[in-house]
Amino acid sequence: MASDHWSYQVVEIKPGFWGSHKNDHIQERLNQLGMQGWELVNAVQANPLHPIRLFLKKDMS
C-alpha cells in the first residue's frame, strides 16, 4: 500500500581535509538513518569542496 504521508529530512555531509569525502563515513551515516526508517531519495553535491546533501524520506503512516 502506498503512503500519502511522508516526512522529509536533508542531511549535509561536510568534506574532510582537502575537500575529500570518506565513503565509509557516508555509508555509516546512511545505515544509521536507514535503521531509523529513512530512505535516501537523492544526493547532491554542487562541487567537490561543498558538502554532499542527502535528501531522505520516511513513511509516516
N, C-alpha and C. Protein backbone atom coordinates (compact mmCIF):
# COMPACT_ATOMS: atom_id res chain seq x y z
N MET A 1 0.85 -1.19 0.00
CA MET A 1 0.00 0.00 0.00
C MET A 1 0.89 1.25 0.00
N ALA A 2 0.60 2.17 -0.87
CA ALA A 2 1.38 3.41 -0.97
C ALA A 2 0.99 4.37 0.15
N SER A 3 1.96 5.10 0.63
CA SER A 3 1.73 6.07 1.70
C SER A 3 1.43 7.44 1.13
N ASP A 4 0.56 8.16 1.82
CA ASP A 4 0.27 9.54 1.45
C ASP A 4 0.92 10.51 2.43
N HIS A 5 1.60 9.98 3.43
CA HIS A 5 2.17 10.82 4.48
C HIS A 5 3.66 10.55 4.60
N TRP A 6 4.44 11.56 4.26
CA TRP A 6 5.90 11.44 4.30
C TRP A 6 6.49 12.54 5.16
N SER A 7 7.58 12.23 5.80
CA SER A 7 8.40 13.22 6.48
C SER A 7 9.71 13.28 5.69
N TYR A 8 10.27 14.46 5.56
CA TYR A 8 11.48 14.64 4.77
C TYR A 8 12.60 15.21 5.63
N GLN A 9 13.82 14.90 5.27
CA GLN A 9 14.99 15.38 6.01
C GLN A 9 16.13 15.62 5.01
N VAL A 10 16.89 16.67 5.26
CA VAL A 10 18.09 16.94 4.47
C VAL A 10 19.28 16.87 5.42
N VAL A 11 20.26 16.05 5.07
CA VAL A 11 21.45 15.87 5.90
C VAL A 11 22.65 16.31 5.07
N GLU A 12 23.53 17.09 5.68
CA GLU A 12 24.76 17.52 4.99
C GLU A 12 25.94 16.72 5.51
N ILE A 13 26.71 16.18 4.58
CA ILE A 13 27.97 15.51 4.90
C ILE A 13 29.08 16.45 4.47
N LYS A 14 29.75 17.04 5.44
CA LYS A 14 30.79 18.03 5.13
C LYS A 14 32.07 17.34 4.66
N PRO A 15 32.77 17.97 3.72
CA PRO A 15 34.03 17.38 3.25
C PRO A 15 35.09 17.44 4.34
N GLY A 16 35.99 16.49 4.27
CA GLY A 16 37.12 16.47 5.20
C GLY A 16 38.25 17.35 4.68
N PHE A 17 39.41 17.08 5.19
CA PHE A 17 40.60 17.81 4.78
C PHE A 17 40.81 17.66 3.28
N TRP A 18 41.17 18.72 2.60
CA TRP A 18 41.39 18.76 1.15
C TRP A 18 40.11 18.51 0.37
N GLY A 19 38.96 18.70 0.99
CA GLY A 19 37.70 18.57 0.27
C GLY A 19 37.28 17.15 -0.03
N SER A 20 37.88 16.18 0.63
CA SER A 20 37.54 14.79 0.33
C SER A 20 36.39 14.30 1.20
N HIS A 21 35.66 13.33 0.68
CA HIS A 21 34.59 12.67 1.43
C HIS A 21 34.98 11.20 1.57
N LYS A 22 34.87 10.69 2.77
CA LYS A 22 35.19 9.29 3.00
C LYS A 22 33.92 8.46 2.80
N ASN A 23 33.99 7.51 1.87
CA ASN A 23 32.84 6.67 1.57
C ASN A 23 32.35 5.91 2.79
N ASP A 24 33.28 5.46 3.65
CA ASP A 24 32.88 4.73 4.85
C ASP A 24 32.01 5.59 5.76
N HIS A 25 32.37 6.87 5.88
CA HIS A 25 31.59 7.79 6.73
C HIS A 25 30.19 7.99 6.15
N ILE A 26 30.09 8.17 4.85
CA ILE A 26 28.79 8.36 4.21
C ILE A 26 27.94 7.11 4.37
N GLN A 27 28.53 5.95 4.13
CA GLN A 27 27.79 4.69 4.25
C GLN A 27 27.33 4.45 5.68
N GLU A 28 28.18 4.75 6.65
CA GLU A 28 27.81 4.59 8.06
C GLU A 28 26.62 5.48 8.41
N ARG A 29 26.66 6.73 7.95
CA ARG A 29 25.56 7.67 8.24
C ARG A 29 24.27 7.20 7.58
N LEU A 30 24.35 6.74 6.32
CA LEU A 30 23.16 6.24 5.64
C LEU A 30 22.59 5.01 6.34
N ASN A 31 23.45 4.12 6.81
CA ASN A 31 22.98 2.94 7.54
C ASN A 31 22.28 3.32 8.84
N GLN A 32 22.82 4.32 9.55
CA GLN A 32 22.19 4.80 10.79
C GLN A 32 20.79 5.33 10.48
N LEU A 33 20.70 6.15 9.45
CA LEU A 33 19.41 6.73 9.08
C LEU A 33 18.44 5.66 8.59
N GLY A 34 18.94 4.68 7.84
CA GLY A 34 18.09 3.59 7.36
C GLY A 34 17.49 2.79 8.51
N MET A 35 18.25 2.59 9.58
CA MET A 35 17.73 1.86 10.74
C MET A 35 16.64 2.64 11.46
N GLN A 36 16.60 3.95 11.22
CA GLN A 36 15.56 4.79 11.81
C GLN A 36 14.36 4.92 10.87
N GLY A 37 14.40 4.23 9.73
CA GLY A 37 13.28 4.25 8.79
C GLY A 37 13.42 5.24 7.65
N TRP A 38 14.54 5.96 7.56
CA TRP A 38 14.74 6.93 6.50
C TRP A 38 15.22 6.24 5.23
N GLU A 39 14.75 6.72 4.09
CA GLU A 39 15.12 6.19 2.78
C GLU A 39 15.75 7.31 1.95
N LEU A 40 16.92 7.03 1.39
CA LEU A 40 17.60 8.02 0.55
C LEU A 40 16.83 8.21 -0.75
N VAL A 41 16.53 9.47 -1.07
CA VAL A 41 15.83 9.81 -2.31
C VAL A 41 16.81 10.35 -3.34
N ASN A 42 17.75 11.19 -2.88
CA ASN A 42 18.71 11.81 -3.79
C ASN A 42 19.92 12.29 -2.99
N ALA A 43 21.03 12.46 -3.69
CA ALA A 43 22.24 13.03 -3.10
C ALA A 43 22.81 14.03 -4.09
N VAL A 44 23.15 15.23 -3.61
CA VAL A 44 23.61 16.31 -4.49
C VAL A 44 24.85 16.95 -3.89
N GLN A 45 25.80 17.25 -4.78
CA GLN A 45 27.00 17.99 -4.37
C GLN A 45 27.29 19.02 -5.45
N ALA A 46 27.28 20.30 -5.08
CA ALA A 46 27.48 21.39 -6.05
C ALA A 46 28.88 21.36 -6.66
N ASN A 47 29.88 21.13 -5.83
CA ASN A 47 31.26 20.97 -6.30
C ASN A 47 32.04 20.22 -5.22
N PRO A 48 33.24 19.74 -5.53
CA PRO A 48 33.98 18.89 -4.58
C PRO A 48 34.28 19.52 -3.23
N LEU A 49 34.27 20.83 -3.12
CA LEU A 49 34.57 21.47 -1.84
C LEU A 49 33.33 21.74 -1.00
N HIS A 50 32.15 21.50 -1.54
CA HIS A 50 30.90 21.71 -0.81
C HIS A 50 30.43 20.41 -0.18
N PRO A 51 29.55 20.53 0.83
CA PRO A 51 29.01 19.31 1.44
C PRO A 51 28.15 18.53 0.44
N ILE A 52 28.02 17.24 0.72
CA ILE A 52 27.05 16.42 0.00
C ILE A 52 25.74 16.56 0.75
N ARG A 53 24.68 16.85 0.05
CA ARG A 53 23.35 16.94 0.67
C ARG A 53 22.59 15.66 0.36
N LEU A 54 22.17 14.98 1.42
CA LEU A 54 21.39 13.76 1.30
C LEU A 54 19.93 14.10 1.54
N PHE A 55 19.08 13.78 0.60
CA PHE A 55 17.65 14.03 0.73
C PHE A 55 16.97 12.70 1.05
N LEU A 56 16.28 12.67 2.19
CA LEU A 56 15.68 11.43 2.67
C LEU A 56 14.19 11.60 2.93
N LYS A 57 13.48 10.47 2.89
CA LYS A 57 12.06 10.49 3.24
C LYS A 57 11.76 9.32 4.16
N LYS A 58 10.68 9.47 4.93
CA LYS A 58 10.28 8.45 5.90
C LYS A 58 8.76 8.34 5.86
N ASP A 59 8.27 7.12 5.77
CA ASP A 59 6.83 6.85 5.76
C ASP A 59 6.25 7.16 7.14
N MET A 60 5.24 8.02 7.18
CA MET A 60 4.65 8.42 8.45
C MET A 60 3.30 7.75 8.72
N SER A 61 2.87 6.84 7.86
CA SER A 61 1.56 6.20 8.09
C SER A 61 1.69 4.98 8.98
